[in-house]
Amino acid sequence: MLALAHKIQDAIESGVVQDQAEVARRLGLTRARITQLMDLTLLAPEIQEEILGLESVDGVEPMSERALRHVSRTLDWGEQRRRWSTLK
């Protein structure tokens, strides 16, 4: 989901899509769901690296976006790191 969020962000920044609302329409998702995904891009860089380095097993992601919401709810990277450490 983090990789998808970065692809969405790149598409918006490059003008391929106008905004998150357009992405939601195209993907058949709610704007709220797109916002949840995009919040992952606000995680501290080293947390994002760790997440992207996790391997999926049989197509199942090793950590759900939902599990990460508690971490991404704060913009303070120090607090994110503390919250992240409780998930690992």
PDB file of N, CA and C in Angstrom:
ATOM      1  N   MET A   1       0.814  -1.195   0.000  1.00  0.00           N
ATOM      2  CA  MET A   1       0.000   0.000   0.000  1.00  0.00           C
ATOM      3  C   MET A   1       0.861   1.264   0.000  1.00  0.00           C
ATOM      4  N   LEU A   2       2.003   1.176   0.678  1.00  0.00           N
ATOM      5  CA  LEU A   2       2.909   2.326   0.689  1.00  0.00           C
ATOM      6  C   LEU A   2       3.424   2.620  -0.715  1.00  0.00           C
ATOM      7  N   ALA A   3       3.798   1.584  -1.439  1.00  0.00           N
ATOM      8  CA  ALA A   3       4.270   1.782  -2.811  1.00  0.00           C
ATOM      9  C   ALA A   3       3.165   2.379  -3.679  1.00  0.00           C
ATOM     10  N   LEU A   4       1.944   1.911  -3.502  1.00  0.00           N
ATOM     11  CA  LEU A   4       0.803   2.467  -4.239  1.00  0.00           C
ATOM     12  C   LEU A   4       0.608   3.940  -3.895  1.00  0.00           C
ATOM     13  N   ALA A   5       0.731   4.267  -2.624  1.00  0.00           N
ATOM     14  CA  ALA A   5       0.578   5.667  -2.203  1.00  0.00           C
ATOM     15  C   ALA A   5       1.614   6.552  -2.889  1.00  0.00           C
ATOM     16  N   HIS A   6       2.832   6.061  -3.005  1.00  0.00           N
ATOM     17  CA  HIS A   6       3.869   6.844  -3.695  1.00  0.00           C
ATOM     18  C   HIS A   6       3.564   6.978  -5.185  1.00  0.00           C
ATOM     19  N   LYS A   7       3.030   5.940  -5.791  1.00  0.00           N
ATOM     20  CA  LYS A   7       2.647   6.031  -7.217  1.00  0.00           C
ATOM     21  C   LYS A   7       1.527   7.052  -7.399  1.00  0.00           C
ATOM     22  N   ILE A   8       0.571   7.062  -6.490  1.00  0.00           N
ATOM     23  CA  ILE A   8      -0.512   8.046  -6.552  1.00  0.00           C
ATOM     24  C   ILE A   8       0.047   9.452  -6.408  1.00  0.00           C
ATOM     25  N   GLN A   9       0.937   9.631  -5.428  1.00  0.00           N
ATOM     26  CA  GLN A   9       1.536  10.939  -5.208  1.00  0.00           C
ATOM     27  C   GLN A   9       2.297  11.404  -6.461  1.00  0.00           C
ATOM     28  N   ASP A  10       3.049  10.506  -7.069  1.00  0.00           N
ATOM     29  CA  ASP A  10       3.787  10.838  -8.293  1.00  0.00           C
ATOM     30  C   ASP A  10       2.827  11.216  -9.425  1.00  0.00           C
ATOM     31  N   ALA A  11       1.714  10.490  -9.543  1.00  0.00           N
ATOM     32  CA  ALA A  11       0.735  10.778 -10.598  1.00  0.00           C
ATOM     33  C   ALA A  11       0.115  12.152 -10.402  1.00  0.00           C
ATOM     34  N   ILE A  12      -0.142  12.521  -9.165  1.00  0.00           N
ATOM     35  CA  ILE A  12      -0.709  13.852  -8.882  1.00  0.00           C
ATOM     36  C   ILE A  12       0.325  14.930  -9.181  1.00  0.00           C
ATOM     37  N   GLU A  13       1.545  14.725  -8.694  1.00  0.00           N
ATOM     38  CA  GLU A  13       2.603  15.728  -8.886  1.00  0.00           C
ATOM     39  C   GLU A  13       2.969  15.921 -10.358  1.00  0.00           C
ATOM     40  N   SER A  14       2.885  14.850 -11.135  1.00  0.00           N
ATOM     41  CA  SER A  14       3.241  14.951 -12.557  1.00  0.00           C
ATOM     42  C   SER A  14       2.066  15.386 -13.433  1.00  0.00           C
ATOM     43  N   GLY A  15       0.876  15.517 -12.847  1.00  0.00           N
ATOM     44  CA  GLY A  15      -0.277  15.975 -13.604  1.00  0.00           C
ATOM     45  C   GLY A  15      -1.025  14.886 -14.343  1.00  0.00           C
ATOM     46  N   VAL A  16      -0.667  13.628 -14.116  1.00  0.00           N
ATOM     47  CA  VAL A  16      -1.385  12.524 -14.754  1.00  0.00           C
ATOM     48  C   VAL A  16      -2.831  12.502 -14.261  1.00  0.00           C
ATOM     49  N   VAL A  17      -3.006  12.796 -12.990  1.00  0.00           N
ATOM     50  CA  VAL A  17      -4.342  12.971 -12.405  1.00  0.00           C
ATOM     51  C   VAL A  17      -4.362  14.313 -11.689  1.00  0.00           C
ATOM     52  N   GLN A  18      -5.550  14.859 -11.546  1.00  0.00           N
ATOM     53  CA  GLN A  18      -5.658  16.196 -10.970  1.00  0.00           C
ATOM     54  C   GLN A  18      -5.464  16.197  -9.460  1.00  0.00           C
ATOM     55  N   ASP A  19      -6.112  15.248  -8.786  1.00  0.00           N
ATOM     56  CA  ASP A  19      -6.066  15.246  -7.330  1.00  0.00           C
ATOM     57  C   ASP A  19      -6.495  13.886  -6.780  1.00  0.00           C
ATOM     58  N   GLN A  20      -6.548  13.793  -5.456  1.00  0.00           N
ATOM     59  CA  GLN A  20      -6.917  12.542  -4.809  1.00  0.00           C
ATOM     60  C   GLN A  20      -8.355  12.134  -5.136  1.00  0.00           C
ATOM     61  N   ALA A  21      -9.212  13.104  -5.319  1.00  0.00           N
ATOM     62  CA  ALA A  21     -10.605  12.794  -5.668  1.00  0.00           C
ATOM     63  C   ALA A  21     -10.676  12.068  -7.011  1.00  0.00           C
ATOM     64  N   GLU A  22      -9.887  12.525  -7.967  1.00  0.00           N
ATOM     65  CA  GLU A  22      -9.860  11.849  -9.272  1.00  0.00           C
ATOM     66  C   GLU A  22      -9.298  10.434  -9.136  1.00  0.00           C
ATOM     67  N   VAL A  23      -8.270  10.277  -8.332  1.00  0.00           N
ATOM     68  CA  VAL A  23      -7.697   8.948  -8.096  1.00  0.00           C
ATOM     69  C   VAL A  23      -8.758   8.029  -7.510  1.00  0.00           C
ATOM     70  N   ALA A  24      -9.495   8.542  -6.543  1.00  0.00           N
ATOM     71  CA  ALA A  24     -10.547   7.743  -5.902  1.00  0.00           C
ATOM     72  C   ALA A  24     -11.579   7.285  -6.928  1.00  0.00           C
ATOM     73  N   ARG A  25     -12.004   8.204  -7.787  1.00  0.00           N
ATOM     74  CA  ARG A  25     -12.980   7.843  -8.818  1.00  0.00           C
ATOM     75  C   ARG A  25     -12.429   6.777  -9.756  1.00  0.00           C
ATOM     76  N   ARG A  26     -11.203   6.969 -10.197  1.00  0.00           N
ATOM     77  CA  ARG A  26     -10.599   6.024 -11.147  1.00  0.00           C
ATOM     78  C   ARG A  26     -10.398   4.632 -10.546  1.00  0.00           C
ATOM     79  N   LEU A  27     -10.057   4.592  -9.266  1.00  0.00           N
ATOM     80  CA  LEU A  27      -9.795   3.310  -8.621  1.00  0.00           C
ATOM     81  C   LEU A  27     -11.035   2.698  -7.972  1.00  0.00           C
ATOM     82  N   GLY A  28     -12.121   3.465  -7.967  1.00  0.00           N
ATOM     83  CA  GLY A  28     -13.342   2.959  -7.353  1.00  0.00           C
ATOM     84  C   GLY A  28     -13.258   2.889  -5.833  1.00  0.00           C
ATOM     85  N   LEU A  29     -12.496   3.810  -5.260  1.00  0.00           N
ATOM     86  CA  LEU A  29     -12.341   3.874  -3.810  1.00  0.00           C
ATOM     87  C   LEU A  29     -12.929   5.182  -3.305  1.00  0.00           C
ATOM     88  N   THR A  30     -13.132   5.262  -2.005  1.00  0.00           N
ATOM     89  CA  THR A  30     -13.613   6.518  -1.436  1.00  0.00           C
ATOM     90  C   THR A  30     -12.438   7.482  -1.287  1.00  0.00           C
ATOM     91  N   ARG A  31     -12.757   8.753  -1.208  1.00  0.00           N
ATOM     92  CA  ARG A  31     -11.702   9.743  -0.973  1.00  0.00           C
ATOM     93  C   ARG A  31     -11.055   9.513   0.385  1.00  0.00           C
ATOM     94  N   ALA A  32     -11.862   9.058   1.355  1.00  0.00           N
ATOM     95  CA  ALA A  32     -11.315   8.776   2.687  1.00  0.00           C
ATOM     96  C   ALA A  32     -10.265   7.671   2.621  1.00  0.00           C
ATOM     97  N   ARG A  33     -10.525   6.647   1.816  1.00  0.00           N
ATOM     98  CA  ARG A  33      -9.574   5.540   1.689  1.00  0.00           C
ATOM     99  C   ARG A  33      -8.285   6.012   1.035  1.00  0.00           C
ATOM    100  N   ILE A  34      -8.396   6.863   0.033  1.00  0.00           N
ATOM    101  CA  ILE A  34      -7.195   7.415  -0.604  1.00  0.00           C
ATOM    102  C   ILE A  34      -6.406   8.237   0.407  1.00  0.00           C
ATOM    103  N   THR A  35      -7.092   9.009   1.223  1.00  0.00           N
ATOM    104  CA  THR A  35      -6.418   9.799   2.258  1.00  0.00           C
ATOM    105  C   THR A  35      -5.673   8.890   3.219  1.00  0.00           C
ATOM    106  N   GLN A  36      -6.301   7.783   3.614  1.00  0.00           N
ATOM    107  CA  GLN A  36      -5.626   6.830   4.498  1.00  0.00           C
ATOM    108  C   GLN A  36      -4.344   6.311   3.855  1.00  0.00           C
ATOM    109  N   LEU A  37      -4.420   5.983   2.589  1.00  0.00           N
ATOM    110  CA  LEU A  37      -3.229   5.493   1.894  1.00  0.00           C
ATOM    111  C   LEU A  37      -2.156   6.583   1.803  1.00  0.00           C
ATOM    112  N   MET A  38      -2.573   7.782   1.469  1.00  0.00           N
ATOM    113  CA  MET A  38      -1.620   8.871   1.289  1.00  0.00           C
ATOM    114  C   MET A  38      -0.941   9.256   2.605  1.00  0.00           C
ATOM    115  N   ASP A  39      -1.608   9.027   3.726  1.00  0.00           N
ATOM    116  CA  ASP A  39      -0.994   9.304   5.027  1.00  0.00           C
ATOM    117  C   ASP A  39       0.273   8.487   5.229  1.00  0.00           C
ATOM    118  N   LEU A  40       0.379   7.351   4.559  1.00  0.00           N
ATOM    119  CA  LEU A  40       1.581   6.526   4.680  1.00  0.00           C
ATOM    120  C   LEU A  40       2.815   7.249   4.160  1.00  0.00           C
ATOM    121  N   THR A  41       2.635   8.154   3.210  1.00  0.00           N
ATOM    122  CA  THR A  41       3.785   8.876   2.652  1.00  0.00           C
ATOM    123  C   THR A  41       4.324   9.912   3.640  1.00  0.00           C
ATOM    124  N   LEU A  42       3.596  10.141   4.735  1.00  0.00           N
ATOM    125  CA  LEU A  42       4.036  11.095   5.755  1.00  0.00           C
ATOM    126  C   LEU A  42       4.856  10.436   6.854  1.00  0.00           C
ATOM    127  N   LEU A  43       5.054   9.136   6.735  1.00  0.00           N
ATOM    128  CA  LEU A  43       5.864   8.430   7.721  1.00  0.00           C
ATOM    129  C   LEU A  43       7.331   8.825   7.573  1.00  0.00           C
ATOM    130  N   ALA A  44       8.058   8.733   8.671  1.00  0.00           N
ATOM    131  CA  ALA A  44       9.491   9.024   8.649  1.00  0.00           C
ATOM    132  C   ALA A  44      10.165   8.151   7.583  1.00  0.00           C
ATOM    133  N   PRO A  45      11.142   8.708   6.886  1.00  0.00           N
ATOM    134  CA  PRO A  45      11.780   7.973   5.786  1.00  0.00           C
ATOM    135  C   PRO A  45      12.293   6.585   6.172  1.00  0.00           C
ATOM    136  N   GLU A  46      12.907   6.455   7.336  1.00  0.00           N
ATOM    137  CA  GLU A  46      13.448   5.143   7.701  1.00  0.00           C
ATOM    138  C   GLU A  46      12.347   4.125   7.994  1.00  0.00           C
ATOM    139  N   ILE A  47      11.196   4.589   8.464  1.00  0.00           N
ATOM    140  CA  ILE A  47      10.058   3.689   8.656  1.00  0.00           C
ATOM    141  C   ILE A  47       9.551   3.217   7.299  1.00  0.00           C
ATOM    142  N   GLN A  48       9.462   4.149   6.350  1.00  0.00           N
ATOM    143  CA  GLN A  48       9.032   3.769   5.004  1.00  0.00           C
ATOM    144  C   GLN A  48       9.998   2.747   4.403  1.00  0.00           C
ATOM    145  N   GLU A  49      11.286   2.948   4.588  1.00  0.00           N
ATOM    146  CA  GLU A  49      12.278   2.003   4.066  1.00  0.00           C
ATOM    147  C   GLU A  49      12.078   0.615   4.669  1.00  0.00           C
ATOM    148  N   GLU A  50      11.851   0.568   5.982  1.00  0.00           N
ATOM    149  CA  GLU A  50      11.633  -0.724   6.637  1.00  0.00           C
ATOM    150  C   GLU A  50      10.381  -1.406   6.090  1.00  0.00           C
ATOM    151  N   ILE A  51       9.320  -0.635   5.930  1.00  0.00           N
ATOM    152  CA  ILE A  51       8.062  -1.196   5.428  1.00  0.00           C
ATOM    153  C   ILE A  51       8.260  -1.747   4.022  1.00  0.00           C
ATOM    154  N   LEU A  52       8.906  -0.957   3.171  1.00  0.00           N
ATOM    155  CA  LEU A  52       9.124  -1.392   1.792  1.00  0.00           C
ATOM    156  C   LEU A  52      10.058  -2.597   1.712  1.00  0.00           C
ATOM    157  N   GLY A  53      10.884  -2.790   2.742  1.00  0.00           N
ATOM    158  CA  GLY A  53      11.797  -3.918   2.773  1.00  0.00           C
ATOM    159  C   GLY A  53      11.175  -5.208   3.286  1.00  0.00           C
ATOM    160  N   LEU A  54       9.981  -5.104   3.880  1.00  0.00           N
ATOM    161  CA  LEU A  54       9.299  -6.302   4.365  1.00  0.00           C
ATOM    162  C   LEU A  54       8.826  -7.121   3.178  1.00  0.00           C
ATOM    163  N   GLU A  55       8.885  -8.411   3.303  1.00  0.00           N
ATOM    164  CA  GLU A  55       8.481  -9.287   2.203  1.00  0.00           C
ATOM    165  C   GLU A  55       7.069  -9.809   2.418  1.00  0.00           C
ATOM    166  N   SER A  56       6.318  -9.850   1.334  1.00  0.00           N
ATOM    167  CA  SER A  56       4.979 -10.438   1.412  1.00  0.00           C
ATOM    168  C   SER A  56       5.099 -11.947   1.263  1.00  0.00           C
ATOM    169  N   VAL A  57       4.159 -12.639   1.849  1.00  0.00           N
ATOM    170  CA  VAL A  57       4.140 -14.098   1.772  1.00  0.00           C
ATOM    171  C   VAL A  57       2.852 -14.502   1.074  1.00  0.00           C
ATOM    172  N   ASP A  58       2.997 -15.205  -0.041  1.00  0.00           N
ATOM    173  CA  ASP A  58       1.839 -15.647  -0.823  1.00  0.00           C
ATOM    174  C   ASP A  58       0.918 -14.483  -1.183  1.00  0.00           C
ATOM    175  N   GLY A  59       1.521 -13.329  -1.498  1.00  0.00           N
ATOM    176  CA  GLY A  59       0.740 -12.167  -1.916  1.00  0.00           C
ATOM    177  C   GLY A  59       0.091 -11.392  -0.789  1.00  0.00           C
ATOM    178  N   VAL A  60       0.320 -11.808   0.456  1.00  0.00           N
ATOM    179  CA  VAL A  60      -0.257 -11.116   1.610  1.00  0.00           C
ATOM    180  C   VAL A  60       0.783 -10.151   2.164  1.00  0.00           C
ATOM    181  N   GLU A  61       0.383  -8.902   2.323  1.00  0.00           N
ATOM    182  CA  GLU A  61       1.311  -7.904   2.840  1.00  0.00           C
ATOM    183  C   GLU A  61       1.660  -8.223   4.292  1.00  0.00           C
ATOM    184  N   PRO A  62       2.921  -8.018   4.665  1.00  0.00           N
ATOM    185  CA  PRO A  62       3.355  -8.362   6.013  1.00  0.00           C
ATOM    186  C   PRO A  62       2.789  -7.450   7.096  1.00  0.00           C
ATOM    187  N   MET A  63       2.354  -6.264   6.711  1.00  0.00           N
ATOM    188  CA  MET A  63       1.774  -5.329   7.674  1.00  0.00           C
ATOM    189  C   MET A  63       0.689  -4.545   6.956  1.00  0.00           C
ATOM    190  N   SER A  64      -0.455  -4.467   7.569  1.00  0.00           N
ATOM    191  CA  SER A  64      -1.571  -3.778   6.929  1.00  0.00           C
ATOM    192  C   SER A  64      -1.476  -2.267   7.120  1.00  0.00           C
ATOM    193  N   GLU A  65      -2.092  -1.559   6.217  1.00  0.00           N
ATOM    194  CA  GLU A  65      -2.173  -0.096   6.345  1.00  0.00           C
ATOM    195  C   GLU A  65      -2.898   0.249   7.636  1.00  0.00           C
ATOM    196  N   ARG A  66      -3.894  -0.529   7.963  1.00  0.00           N
ATOM    197  CA  ARG A  66      -4.669  -0.266   9.179  1.00  0.00           C
ATOM    198  C   ARG A  66      -3.778  -0.327  10.424  1.00  0.00           C
ATOM    199  N   ALA A  67      -2.867  -1.275  10.460  1.00  0.00           N
ATOM    200  CA  ALA A  67      -1.952  -1.393  11.597  1.00  0.00           C
ATOM    201  C   ALA A  67      -1.038  -0.178  11.710  1.00  0.00           C
ATOM    202  N   LEU A  68      -0.783   0.466  10.574  1.00  0.00           N
ATOM    203  CA  LEU A  68       0.123   1.619  10.553  1.00  0.00           C
ATOM    204  C   LEU A  68      -0.571   2.945  10.861  1.00  0.00           C
ATOM    205  N   ARG A  69      -1.880   2.956  10.905  1.00  0.00           N
ATOM    206  CA  ARG A  69      -2.599   4.221  11.128  1.00  0.00           C
ATOM    207  C   ARG A  69      -2.193   4.893  12.432  1.00  0.00           C
ATOM    208  N   HIS A  70      -2.010   4.083  13.476  1.00  0.00           N
ATOM    209  CA  HIS A  70      -1.612   4.647  14.763  1.00  0.00           C
ATOM    210  C   HIS A  70      -0.269   5.372  14.651  1.00  0.00           C
ATOM    211  N   VAL A  71       0.609   4.847  13.815  1.00  0.00           N
ATOM    212  CA  VAL A  71       1.921   5.460  13.623  1.00  0.00           C
ATOM    213  C   VAL A  71       1.796   6.726  12.790  1.00  0.00           C
ATOM    214  N   SER A  72       1.022   6.680  11.738  1.00  0.00           N
ATOM    215  CA  SER A  72       0.943   7.813  10.803  1.00  0.00           C
ATOM    216  C   SER A  72       0.050   8.946  11.293  1.00  0.00           C
ATOM    217  N   ARG A  73      -0.659   8.743  12.397  1.00  0.00           N
ATOM    218  CA  ARG A  73      -1.560   9.793  12.892  1.00  0.00           C
ATOM    219  C   ARG A  73      -0.832  11.003  13.452  1.00  0.00           C
ATOM    220  N   THR A  74       0.442  10.875  13.730  1.00  0.00           N
ATOM    221  CA  THR A  74       1.224  12.013  14.194  1.00  0.00           C
ATOM    222  C   THR A  74       2.247  12.371  13.119  1.00  0.00           C
ATOM    223  N   LEU A  75       2.497  13.646  12.970  1.00  0.00           N
ATOM    224  CA  LEU A  75       3.488  14.092  11.993  1.00  0.00           C
ATOM    225  C   LEU A  75       4.880  14.186  12.602  1.00  0.00           C
ATOM    226  N   ASP A  76       4.961  14.028  13.922  1.00  0.00           N
ATOM    227  CA  ASP A  76       6.244  14.081  14.618  1.00  0.00           C
ATOM    228  C   ASP A  76       6.998  12.769  14.390  1.00  0.00           C
ATOM    229  N   TRP A  77       8.120  12.854  13.677  1.00  0.00           N
ATOM    230  CA  TRP A  77       8.838  11.637  13.316  1.00  0.00           C
ATOM    231  C   TRP A  77       9.365  10.897  14.537  1.00  0.00           C
ATOM    232  N   GLY A  78       9.736  11.613  15.587  1.00  0.00           N
ATOM    233  CA  GLY A  78      10.192  10.964  16.815  1.00  0.00           C
ATOM    234  C   GLY A  78       9.087  10.122  17.421  1.00  0.00           C
ATOM    235  N   GLU A  79       7.904  10.682  17.475  1.00  0.00           N
ATOM    236  CA  GLU A  79       6.749   9.938  17.996  1.00  0.00           C
ATOM    237  C   GLU A  79       6.400   8.787  17.067  1.00  0.00           C
ATOM    238  N   GLN A  80       6.520   8.990  15.764  1.00  0.00           N
ATOM    239  CA  GLN A  80       6.279   7.898  14.825  1.00  0.00           C
ATOM    240  C   GLN A  80       7.247   6.745  15.094  1.00  0.00           C
ATOM    241  N   ARG A  81       8.508   7.088  15.306  1.00  0.00           N
ATOM    242  CA  ARG A  81       9.508   6.047  15.571  1.00  0.00           C
ATOM    243  C   ARG A  81       9.159   5.269  16.836  1.00  0.00           C
ATOM    244  N   ARG A  82       8.715   5.980  17.873  1.00  0.00           N
ATOM    245  CA  ARG A  82       8.333   5.320  19.116  1.00  0.00           C
ATOM    246  C   ARG A  82       7.166   4.375  18.875  1.00  0.00           C
ATOM    247  N   ARG A  83       6.141   4.860  18.171  1.00  0.00           N
ATOM    248  CA  ARG A  83       4.973   4.029  17.879  1.00  0.00           C
ATOM    249  C   ARG A  83       5.327   2.848  16.996  1.00  0.00           C
ATOM    250  N   TRP A  84       6.208   3.080  16.019  1.00  0.00           N
ATOM    251  CA  TRP A  84       6.639   2.034  15.111  1.00  0.00           C
ATOM    252  C   TRP A  84       7.334   0.904  15.891  1.00  0.00           C
ATOM    253  N   SER A  85       8.147   1.308  16.852  1.00  0.00           N
ATOM    254  CA  SER A  85       8.901   0.297  17.610  1.00  0.00           C
ATOM    255  C   SER A  85       7.972  -0.643  18.383  1.00  0.00           C
ATOM    256  N   THR A  86       6.784  -0.180  18.705  1.00  0.00           N
ATOM    257  CA  THR A  86       5.836  -1.055  19.420  1.00  0.00           C
ATOM    258  C   THR A  86       5.156  -2.054  18.480  1.00  0.00           C
ATOM    259  N   LEU A  87       5.215  -1.816  17.166  1.00  0.00           N
ATOM    260  CA  LEU A  87       4.596  -2.706  16.197  1.00  0.00           C
ATOM    261  C   LEU A  87       5.523  -3.833  15.760  1.00  0.00           C
ATOM    262  N   LYS A  88       6.814  -3.600  15.857  1.00  0.00           N
ATOM    263  CA  LYS A  88       7.776  -4.576  15.332  1.00  0.00           C
ATOM    264  C   LYS A  88       7.964  -5.749  16.245  1.00  0.00           C
TER     265      LYS A  88
END
